Amino acid sequence: MRARGSVVTPLLLVSLTPFLFLNVRLDGQEKPAGKGSPLKLTVTVLSQTYCVNRTIVDAPARGAAVGEVSFDLHLRIQNVGDHAIILCRKCIECYCPDLFDIQADGTQGGLGWGVIPDTFGVTVRAHHPKHPDSNDPIIPHEGALEMDRLAVVDFVDFSRAHTPSKGWVYPGRYFLQARFFTWDPADPDAEALARRWKSYGELYDQEIVTEPIAIQIEIPQAPVNCSAH
């Protein structure tokens, strides 16, 4: 999974690529991080890009154009609780998202594609400061933190000539459910750090999951080669 740095982007200045103008609404997807969570996440799809991976030659993709689809997402994490929240800005990255089939009536079907989450690209800090710094922003009550993150769907077979095979993604309509971790689970210091920083706010280290977003995966025209992850 590719990590991406924090970027605060004015939404009015960002243009969607033409193929994002579908018959479904892509923006404004909201869901609290969990039951009783002090956070509310709003996700907006900014753009959608394709690339091909010419090194994949295994069946069922032999001779086919295969690659990945990347979704540039804008996150707005709002504190709806009654106390300040501390987040690890560098740790907020996207797990590989889940794709759900869309049934004939437009409702969500079964899981069409999903992989075991990993935290590749996230580095555990060797030493944590005595108090939160720029890497650990404090979100006050009713405050918000905004950033851009990348969600990537791998193992996409762009050829219609092949019989669909389990484990591959094919062009069509899906519900994409993005999942974000907010703290590196490999960091053993989270509990001690939460106690140390208690006077500044509550350290939030739970996963945030969005509501599924309707998306369309196309057959790309002249896609670029995928870069190394």
Protein backbone atom coordinates (compact mmCIF):
# COMPACT_ATOMS: atom_id res chain seq x y z
CA MET A 1 0.00 0.00 0.00
CA ARG A 2 1.32 3.40 -0.87
CA ALA A 3 1.47 6.01 1.86
CA ARG A 4 0.77 9.66 1.17
CA GLY A 5 1.69 12.78 3.05
CA SER A 6 -0.79 15.12 4.65
CA VAL A 7 -2.25 17.69 2.28
CA VAL A 8 -4.99 20.16 3.12
CA THR A 9 -6.79 20.85 -0.19
CA PRO A 10 -9.48 23.50 -0.74
CA LEU A 11 -12.32 21.44 -2.22
CA LEU A 12 -13.49 24.22 -4.52
CA LEU A 13 -10.15 24.23 -6.32
CA VAL A 14 -10.10 20.53 -7.13
CA SER A 15 -11.55 19.28 -10.43
CA LEU A 16 -12.96 15.78 -10.78
CA THR A 17 -11.86 13.76 -13.79
CA PRO A 18 -14.63 13.38 -16.41
CA PHE A 19 -15.39 9.71 -15.73
CA LEU A 20 -16.35 10.49 -12.15
CA PHE A 21 -19.58 12.14 -13.25
CA LEU A 22 -21.70 9.03 -12.85
CA ASN A 23 -25.37 8.52 -12.10
CA VAL A 24 -24.51 8.07 -8.44
CA ARG A 25 -23.48 10.55 -5.79
CA LEU A 26 -19.83 10.18 -4.81
CA ASP A 27 -19.31 12.94 -2.28
CA GLY A 28 -20.38 13.62 1.26
CA GLN A 29 -20.19 10.05 2.53
CA GLU A 30 -20.29 10.18 6.32
CA LYS A 31 -20.11 7.71 9.14
CA PRO A 32 -19.08 7.99 12.79
CA ALA A 33 -15.90 6.03 13.51
CA GLY A 34 -17.88 3.65 15.71
CA LYS A 35 -20.69 3.44 18.23
CA GLY A 36 -20.30 6.30 20.65
CA SER A 37 -17.25 7.57 18.77
CA PRO A 38 -16.27 11.23 19.22
CA LEU A 39 -15.25 11.43 15.54
CA LYS A 40 -17.26 11.84 12.34
CA LEU A 41 -15.53 11.17 9.02
CA THR A 42 -16.65 12.77 5.74
CA VAL A 43 -15.00 11.40 2.58
CA THR A 44 -15.04 13.06 -0.85
CA VAL A 45 -13.72 11.35 -4.01
CA LEU A 46 -11.48 13.89 -5.77
CA SER A 47 -10.23 11.82 -8.71
CA GLN A 48 -9.84 8.30 -10.03
CA THR A 49 -6.83 7.06 -12.05
CA TYR A 50 -5.76 3.83 -13.70
CA CYS A 51 -2.45 2.10 -14.41
CA VAL A 52 -1.34 -1.28 -15.76
CA ASN A 53 1.18 -3.68 -14.26
CA ARG A 54 2.93 -5.40 -17.15
CA THR A 55 4.87 -7.71 -14.83
CA ILE A 56 1.76 -9.74 -13.92
CA VAL A 57 1.55 -12.68 -16.33
CA ASP A 58 -0.08 -15.39 -14.20
CA ALA A 59 -3.46 -16.92 -15.04
CA PRO A 60 -6.16 -15.76 -15.42
CA ALA A 61 -4.44 -12.56 -16.52
CA ARG A 62 -2.05 -14.06 -19.08
CA GLY A 63 -2.25 -11.83 -22.13
CA ALA A 64 -4.66 -9.41 -20.45
CA ALA A 65 -4.24 -5.80 -19.37
CA VAL A 66 -4.13 -5.86 -15.58
CA GLY A 67 -3.33 -3.21 -13.02
CA GLU A 68 -4.93 -1.06 -10.36
CA VAL A 69 -7.38 1.79 -9.78
CA SER A 70 -6.46 4.62 -7.41
CA PHE A 71 -8.98 6.85 -5.67
CA ASP A 72 -7.84 10.22 -4.34
CA LEU A 73 -9.94 10.82 -1.23
CA HIS A 74 -10.38 13.98 0.80
CA LEU A 75 -10.97 13.34 4.49
CA ARG A 76 -12.63 15.67 6.96
CA ILE A 77 -12.40 14.29 10.50
CA GLN A 78 -14.66 16.25 12.83
CA ASN A 79 -14.63 16.05 16.61
CA VAL A 80 -18.27 15.67 17.66
CA GLY A 81 -17.40 14.65 21.22
CA ASP A 82 -17.22 16.78 24.33
CA HIS A 83 -13.44 16.79 24.80
CA ALA A 84 -10.27 17.33 22.75
CA ILE A 85 -9.01 14.45 20.59
CA ILE A 86 -5.36 13.74 19.71
CA LEU A 87 -4.61 11.99 16.41
CA CYS A 88 -1.41 10.74 14.82
CA ARG A 89 -1.40 12.62 11.51
CA LYS A 90 1.29 10.41 9.91
CA CYS A 91 -0.55 7.26 10.98
CA ILE A 92 -3.85 8.07 9.27
CA GLU A 93 -3.52 5.89 6.19
CA CYS A 94 -5.92 3.78 4.20
CA TYR A 95 -6.09 0.03 4.44
CA CYS A 96 -6.82 -1.65 1.11
CA PRO A 97 -10.53 -0.86 0.70
CA ASP A 98 -13.32 -3.41 0.40
CA LEU A 99 -15.40 -3.68 -2.79
CA PHE A 100 -18.99 -4.85 -2.54
CA ASP A 101 -21.12 -5.95 -5.47
CA ILE A 102 -24.12 -3.82 -6.45
CA GLN A 103 -27.29 -5.84 -6.83
CA ALA A 104 -29.88 -5.30 -9.57
CA ASP A 105 -32.00 -3.17 -7.24
CA GLY A 106 -29.03 -0.92 -6.44
CA THR A 107 -28.46 -2.25 -2.93
CA GLN A 108 -25.23 -3.59 -1.51
CA GLY A 109 -24.41 -7.21 -2.27
CA GLY A 110 -21.65 -9.49 -1.06
CA LEU A 111 -17.95 -8.73 -0.69
CA GLY A 112 -16.49 -8.76 -4.19
CA TRP A 113 -12.87 -8.03 -3.29
CA GLY A 114 -10.91 -7.48 -0.12
CA VAL A 115 -7.46 -8.21 1.23
CA ILE A 116 -5.90 -8.62 4.66
CA PRO A 117 -5.06 -5.12 5.98
CA ASP A 118 -1.42 -4.17 6.39
CA THR A 119 0.45 -1.15 7.70
CA PHE A 120 3.28 -1.05 5.15
CA GLY A 121 4.71 2.43 4.80
CA VAL A 122 3.93 3.52 8.37
CA THR A 123 6.97 4.05 10.55
CA VAL A 124 6.80 3.68 14.32
CA ARG A 125 8.35 6.71 15.99
CA ALA A 126 11.40 5.80 18.04
CA HIS A 127 10.70 8.49 20.64
CA HIS A 128 7.47 10.26 21.45
CA PRO A 129 7.61 13.88 22.69
CA LYS A 130 6.51 14.89 26.17
CA HIS A 131 3.57 16.75 24.67
CA PRO A 132 1.76 16.53 21.29
CA ASP A 133 3.62 18.20 18.41
CA SER A 134 2.78 18.94 14.76
CA ASN A 135 2.69 15.22 14.02
CA ASP A 136 0.02 14.70 16.67
CA PRO A 137 -2.62 17.41 16.12
CA ILE A 138 -5.17 18.16 18.82
CA ILE A 139 -8.73 18.50 17.50
CA PRO A 140 -10.82 20.61 19.89
CA HIS A 141 -14.54 20.11 20.45
CA GLU A 142 -16.36 20.82 17.14
CA GLY A 143 -12.98 21.22 15.40
CA ALA A 144 -11.90 19.30 12.28
CA LEU A 145 -8.77 17.93 10.62
CA GLU A 146 -8.64 17.75 6.81
CA MET A 147 -6.24 15.80 4.60
CA ASP A 148 -5.98 13.82 1.37
CA ARG A 149 -5.32 10.10 1.27
CA LEU A 150 -5.04 7.45 -1.43
CA ALA A 151 -7.13 4.25 -1.63
CA VAL A 152 -5.87 1.65 -4.10
CA VAL A 153 -7.67 -1.37 -5.58
CA ASP A 154 -5.18 -3.91 -6.96
CA PHE A 155 -5.57 -7.03 -9.13
CA VAL A 156 -7.87 -5.40 -11.67
CA ASP A 157 -8.34 -7.25 -15.00
CA PHE A 158 -9.32 -4.66 -17.59
CA SER A 159 -10.04 -7.24 -20.32
CA ARG A 160 -13.62 -8.34 -20.98
CA ALA A 161 -12.39 -11.36 -22.93
CA HIS A 162 -11.47 -13.37 -19.84
CA THR A 163 -13.79 -15.42 -17.68
CA PRO A 164 -14.07 -13.78 -14.24
CA SER A 165 -11.94 -15.57 -11.66
CA LYS A 166 -12.06 -15.34 -7.87
CA GLY A 167 -9.59 -12.87 -6.43
CA TRP A 168 -9.64 -10.50 -9.42
CA VAL A 169 -11.59 -7.28 -9.96
CA TYR A 170 -13.34 -6.64 -13.28
CA PRO A 171 -14.82 -3.48 -14.85
CA GLY A 172 -18.22 -2.63 -13.47
CA ARG A 173 -20.07 -0.85 -10.66
CA TYR A 174 -19.21 -1.48 -7.02
CA PHE A 175 -19.57 -0.03 -3.56
CA LEU A 176 -16.15 0.98 -2.23
CA GLN A 177 -15.72 1.05 1.55
CA ALA A 178 -12.58 2.85 2.66
CA ARG A 179 -11.00 1.96 6.00
CA PHE A 180 -8.44 4.06 7.84
CA PHE A 181 -6.25 3.31 10.82
CA THR A 182 -5.38 6.23 13.10
CA TRP A 183 -2.44 4.80 15.03
CA ASP A 184 0.23 2.30 14.10
CA PRO A 185 -0.89 -0.95 15.79
CA ALA A 186 2.75 -2.03 16.04
CA ASP A 187 3.54 0.86 18.39
CA PRO A 188 3.75 -0.54 21.95
CA ASP A 189 3.75 2.91 23.54
CA ALA A 190 0.17 3.94 22.73
CA GLU A 191 -1.29 3.24 26.19
CA ALA A 192 1.56 4.91 28.06
CA LEU A 193 1.42 7.86 25.68
CA ALA A 194 -2.34 8.23 26.20
CA ARG A 195 -1.75 8.53 29.95
CA ARG A 196 1.12 10.99 29.48
CA TRP A 197 -0.92 13.24 27.17
CA LYS A 198 -4.19 13.00 29.10
CA SER A 199 -4.09 16.68 30.07
CA TYR A 200 -4.04 17.67 26.36
CA GLY A 201 -6.85 15.39 25.19
CA GLU A 202 -7.85 11.81 24.50
CA LEU A 203 -5.52 9.84 22.23
CA TYR A 204 -7.66 8.18 19.55
CA ASP A 205 -6.24 4.92 18.16
CA GLN A 206 -9.29 3.16 16.67
CA GLU A 207 -10.05 2.32 13.04
CA ILE A 208 -12.35 4.64 11.08
CA VAL A 209 -14.62 3.09 8.44
CA THR A 210 -16.68 5.08 5.92
CA GLU A 211 -20.08 4.28 4.52
CA PRO A 212 -19.77 2.45 1.14
CA ILE A 213 -19.36 4.79 -1.84
CA ALA A 214 -20.75 3.84 -5.28
CA ILE A 215 -17.96 3.79 -7.88
CA GLN A 216 -17.48 2.70 -11.50
CA ILE A 217 -14.38 0.85 -12.72
CA GLU A 218 -13.84 1.43 -16.44
CA ILE A 219 -11.64 -0.11 -19.11
CA PRO A 220 -8.94 2.59 -19.31
CA GLN A 221 -7.75 4.09 -22.57
CA ALA A 222 -3.93 4.12 -22.94
CA PRO A 223 -3.20 3.75 -19.19
CA VAL A 224 0.26 4.49 -17.81
CA ASN A 225 2.46 1.84 -16.23
CA CYS A 226 2.06 1.34 -12.49
CA SER A 227 4.90 2.69 -10.40
CA ALA A 228 6.60 0.56 -7.78
CA HIS A 229 4.76 0.58 -4.41
